[in-house]
Amino acid sequence: MIFAFYFQQVIPQDYGVPKHPLFCCRALKYKKKSSITTREKIEFLNRQESDLKNIADDSELAQLEDDDAKKERKTVYELPEEDYYKYPLIVKDIRKVYPGIDGRPPKIATKKFC
């Protein structure tokens, strides 16, 4: 059964592109261990968080947000670092700025998005 799958992938057929005879070994070659540990990632997030604490208290932002958005923002900011690994993605205050062209100032697309 394994040989049948292997030969089907390697031998040229009417349609498709045959794979390299050692295609099954490529996955082992490219698998690398991350050089950044989880602890280093958490420390980086904590350093960034100190700059972002004042954004959660911004009165202008608080007036524009709905109650559910305020609740979600509060949940994200109060999330303990031990629980970071439980979520696939944690977004805190994304900001996108397009550079200015022809002497014009930079254009802010989003700011303080959580």
C-alpha atoms as a PDB file:
ATOM      1  CA  MET A   1       0.000   0.000   0.000  1.00  0.00           C
ATOM      2  CA  ILE A   2       2.816   2.405   0.890  1.00  0.00           C
ATOM      3  CA  PHE A   3       4.735   1.453  -2.241  1.00  0.00           C
ATOM      4  CA  ALA A   4       1.646   2.046  -4.382  1.00  0.00           C
ATOM      5  CA  PHE A   5       1.285   5.572  -2.999  1.00  0.00           C
ATOM      6  CA  TYR A   6       5.004   6.239  -3.462  1.00  0.00           C
ATOM      7  CA  PHE A   7       5.061   5.035  -7.079  1.00  0.00           C
ATOM      8  CA  GLN A   8       1.898   6.965  -7.895  1.00  0.00           C
ATOM      9  CA  GLN A   9       3.583  10.157  -6.701  1.00  0.00           C
ATOM     10  CA  VAL A  10       6.989   9.551  -8.344  1.00  0.00           C
ATOM     11  CA  ILE A  11       6.244   7.904 -11.708  1.00  0.00           C
ATOM     12  CA  PRO A  12       5.167  10.338 -14.486  1.00  0.00           C
ATOM     13  CA  GLN A  13       1.520  10.015 -15.545  1.00  0.00           C
ATOM     14  CA  ASP A  14      -0.731  11.626 -18.165  1.00  0.00           C
ATOM     15  CA  TYR A  15      -1.714  14.519 -15.888  1.00  0.00           C
ATOM     16  CA  GLY A  16       0.154  16.292 -13.151  1.00  0.00           C
ATOM     17  CA  VAL A  17       3.780  16.720 -12.254  1.00  0.00           C
ATOM     18  CA  PRO A  18       5.724  13.841 -10.720  1.00  0.00           C
ATOM     19  CA  LYS A  19       7.394  14.447  -7.398  1.00  0.00           C
ATOM     20  CA  HIS A  20      11.077  14.083  -6.653  1.00  0.00           C
ATOM     21  CA  PRO A  21      11.999  10.501  -5.618  1.00  0.00           C
ATOM     22  CA  LEU A  22      13.026  11.737  -2.168  1.00  0.00           C
ATOM     23  CA  PHE A  23       9.969  13.963  -1.640  1.00  0.00           C
ATOM     24  CA  CYS A  24       9.149  12.248   1.641  1.00  0.00           C
ATOM     25  CA  CYS A  25      12.534  13.290   3.088  1.00  0.00           C
ATOM     26  CA  ARG A  26      12.052  17.012   2.380  1.00  0.00           C
ATOM     27  CA  ALA A  27       9.704  17.489   5.321  1.00  0.00           C
ATOM     28  CA  LEU A  28      12.456  16.374   7.666  1.00  0.00           C
ATOM     29  CA  LYS A  29      14.990  18.701   6.052  1.00  0.00           C
ATOM     30  CA  TYR A  30      12.920  21.880   6.346  1.00  0.00           C
ATOM     31  CA  LYS A  31      11.541  21.272   9.818  1.00  0.00           C
ATOM     32  CA  LYS A  32      13.490  23.590  12.078  1.00  0.00           C
ATOM     33  CA  LYS A  33      13.088  24.277  15.731  1.00  0.00           C
ATOM     34  CA  SER A  34      12.106  27.832  16.548  1.00  0.00           C
ATOM     35  CA  SER A  35      14.980  29.875  17.888  1.00  0.00           C
ATOM     36  CA  ILE A  36      12.630  31.986  20.016  1.00  0.00           C
ATOM     37  CA  THR A  37      11.240  30.302  23.106  1.00  0.00           C
ATOM     38  CA  THR A  38       7.767  30.834  24.477  1.00  0.00           C
ATOM     39  CA  ARG A  39       9.222  32.585  27.519  1.00  0.00           C
ATOM     40  CA  GLU A  40      11.021  35.096  25.264  1.00  0.00           C
ATOM     41  CA  LYS A  41       7.799  35.768  23.373  1.00  0.00           C
ATOM     42  CA  ILE A  42       5.936  36.432  26.620  1.00  0.00           C
ATOM     43  CA  GLU A  43       8.694  38.764  27.837  1.00  0.00           C
ATOM     44  CA  PHE A  44       8.503  40.680  24.553  1.00  0.00           C
ATOM     45  CA  LEU A  45       4.737  41.041  24.912  1.00  0.00           C
ATOM     46  CA  ASN A  46       5.118  42.290  28.479  1.00  0.00           C
ATOM     47  CA  ARG A  47       7.613  44.942  27.377  1.00  0.00           C
ATOM     48  CA  GLN A  48       5.201  46.107  24.697  1.00  0.00           C
ATOM     49  CA  GLU A  49       2.280  46.046  27.114  1.00  0.00           C
ATOM     50  CA  SER A  50       3.828  48.702  29.361  1.00  0.00           C
ATOM     51  CA  ASP A  51       3.600  51.190  26.475  1.00  0.00           C
ATOM     52  CA  LEU A  52       0.029  50.202  25.666  1.00  0.00           C
ATOM     53  CA  LYS A  53      -1.564  50.409  29.126  1.00  0.00           C
ATOM     54  CA  ASN A  54      -2.538  54.055  28.684  1.00  0.00           C
ATOM     55  CA  ILE A  55      -4.396  53.302  25.454  1.00  0.00           C
ATOM     56  CA  ALA A  56      -7.047  51.261  27.268  1.00  0.00           C
ATOM     57  CA  ASP A  57      -7.890  54.310  29.401  1.00  0.00           C
ATOM     58  CA  ASP A  58      -8.162  56.703  26.449  1.00  0.00           C
ATOM     59  CA  SER A  59     -11.369  58.696  26.958  1.00  0.00           C
ATOM     60  CA  GLU A  60     -11.859  59.386  23.235  1.00  0.00           C
ATOM     61  CA  LEU A  61     -11.673  55.692  22.470  1.00  0.00           C
ATOM     62  CA  ALA A  62     -13.982  54.821  25.356  1.00  0.00           C
ATOM     63  CA  GLN A  63     -16.698  57.109  24.015  1.00  0.00           C
ATOM     64  CA  LEU A  64     -16.675  55.500  20.567  1.00  0.00           C
ATOM     65  CA  GLU A  65     -16.698  51.852  21.650  1.00  0.00           C
ATOM     66  CA  ASP A  66     -19.724  49.673  22.320  1.00  0.00           C
ATOM     67  CA  ASP A  67     -20.074  47.768  25.578  1.00  0.00           C
ATOM     68  CA  ASP A  68     -19.106  44.432  24.009  1.00  0.00           C
ATOM     69  CA  ALA A  69     -15.959  45.975  22.499  1.00  0.00           C
ATOM     70  CA  LYS A  70     -15.001  47.427  25.890  1.00  0.00           C
ATOM     71  CA  LYS A  71     -15.550  44.031  27.487  1.00  0.00           C
ATOM     72  CA  GLU A  72     -13.371  42.289  24.872  1.00  0.00           C
ATOM     73  CA  ARG A  73     -10.600  44.883  25.230  1.00  0.00           C
ATOM     74  CA  LYS A  74     -10.674  44.448  29.012  1.00  0.00           C
ATOM     75  CA  THR A  75     -10.473  40.656  28.580  1.00  0.00           C
ATOM     76  CA  VAL A  76      -7.404  40.954  26.348  1.00  0.00           C
ATOM     77  CA  TYR A  77      -5.572  43.341  28.670  1.00  0.00           C
ATOM     78  CA  GLU A  78      -6.312  41.308  31.801  1.00  0.00           C
ATOM     79  CA  LEU A  79      -5.326  37.970  30.264  1.00  0.00           C
ATOM     80  CA  PRO A  80      -2.643  36.374  32.464  1.00  0.00           C
ATOM     81  CA  GLU A  81       0.560  35.410  30.661  1.00  0.00           C
ATOM     82  CA  GLU A  82       0.093  31.754  31.630  1.00  0.00           C
ATOM     83  CA  ASP A  83      -2.984  31.650  29.363  1.00  0.00           C
ATOM     84  CA  TYR A  84      -1.296  33.131  26.258  1.00  0.00           C
ATOM     85  CA  TYR A  85      -0.635  29.677  24.814  1.00  0.00           C
ATOM     86  CA  LYS A  86      -4.369  28.812  24.923  1.00  0.00           C
ATOM     87  CA  TYR A  87      -5.214  31.319  22.190  1.00  0.00           C
ATOM     88  CA  PRO A  88      -3.969  30.992  18.612  1.00  0.00           C
ATOM     89  CA  LEU A  89      -3.891  34.763  18.153  1.00  0.00           C
ATOM     90  CA  ILE A  90      -3.893  37.667  20.599  1.00  0.00           C
ATOM     91  CA  VAL A  91      -4.244  41.108  19.035  1.00  0.00           C
ATOM     92  CA  LYS A  92      -3.358  44.191  21.070  1.00  0.00           C
ATOM     93  CA  ASP A  93      -3.538  47.660  19.552  1.00  0.00           C
ATOM     94  CA  ILE A  94      -2.655  47.119  15.919  1.00  0.00           C
ATOM     95  CA  ARG A  95      -1.716  50.267  14.051  1.00  0.00           C
ATOM     96  CA  LYS A  96      -1.269  50.626  10.280  1.00  0.00           C
ATOM     97  CA  VAL A  97       0.324  53.748   8.821  1.00  0.00           C
ATOM     98  CA  TYR A  98       0.879  54.243   5.102  1.00  0.00           C
ATOM     99  CA  PRO A  99       3.976  56.337   4.313  1.00  0.00           C
ATOM    100  CA  GLY A 100       3.535  59.812   2.888  1.00  0.00           C
ATOM    101  CA  ILE A 101       4.101  60.251  -0.839  1.00  0.00           C
ATOM    102  CA  ASP A 102       5.341  63.397  -2.606  1.00  0.00           C
ATOM    103  CA  GLY A 103       5.794  65.393   0.590  1.00  0.00           C
ATOM    104  CA  ARG A 104       2.385  64.516   2.021  1.00  0.00           C
ATOM    105  CA  PRO A 105       2.142  63.390   5.655  1.00  0.00           C
ATOM    106  CA  PRO A 106       1.721  59.695   6.493  1.00  0.00           C
ATOM    107  CA  LYS A 107      -1.841  58.338   6.346  1.00  0.00           C
ATOM    108  CA  ILE A 108      -3.114  56.455   9.406  1.00  0.00           C
ATOM    109  CA  ALA A 109      -5.394  53.605   8.309  1.00  0.00           C
ATOM    110  CA  THR A 110      -6.132  52.082  11.714  1.00  0.00           C
ATOM    111  CA  LYS A 111      -5.033  52.963  15.195  1.00  0.00           C
ATOM    112  CA  LYS A 112      -5.615  51.328  18.557  1.00  0.00           C
ATOM    113  CA  PHE A 113      -7.370  48.288  17.071  1.00  0.00           C
ATOM    114  CA  CYS A 114      -7.787  45.503  19.590  1.00  0.00           C
END
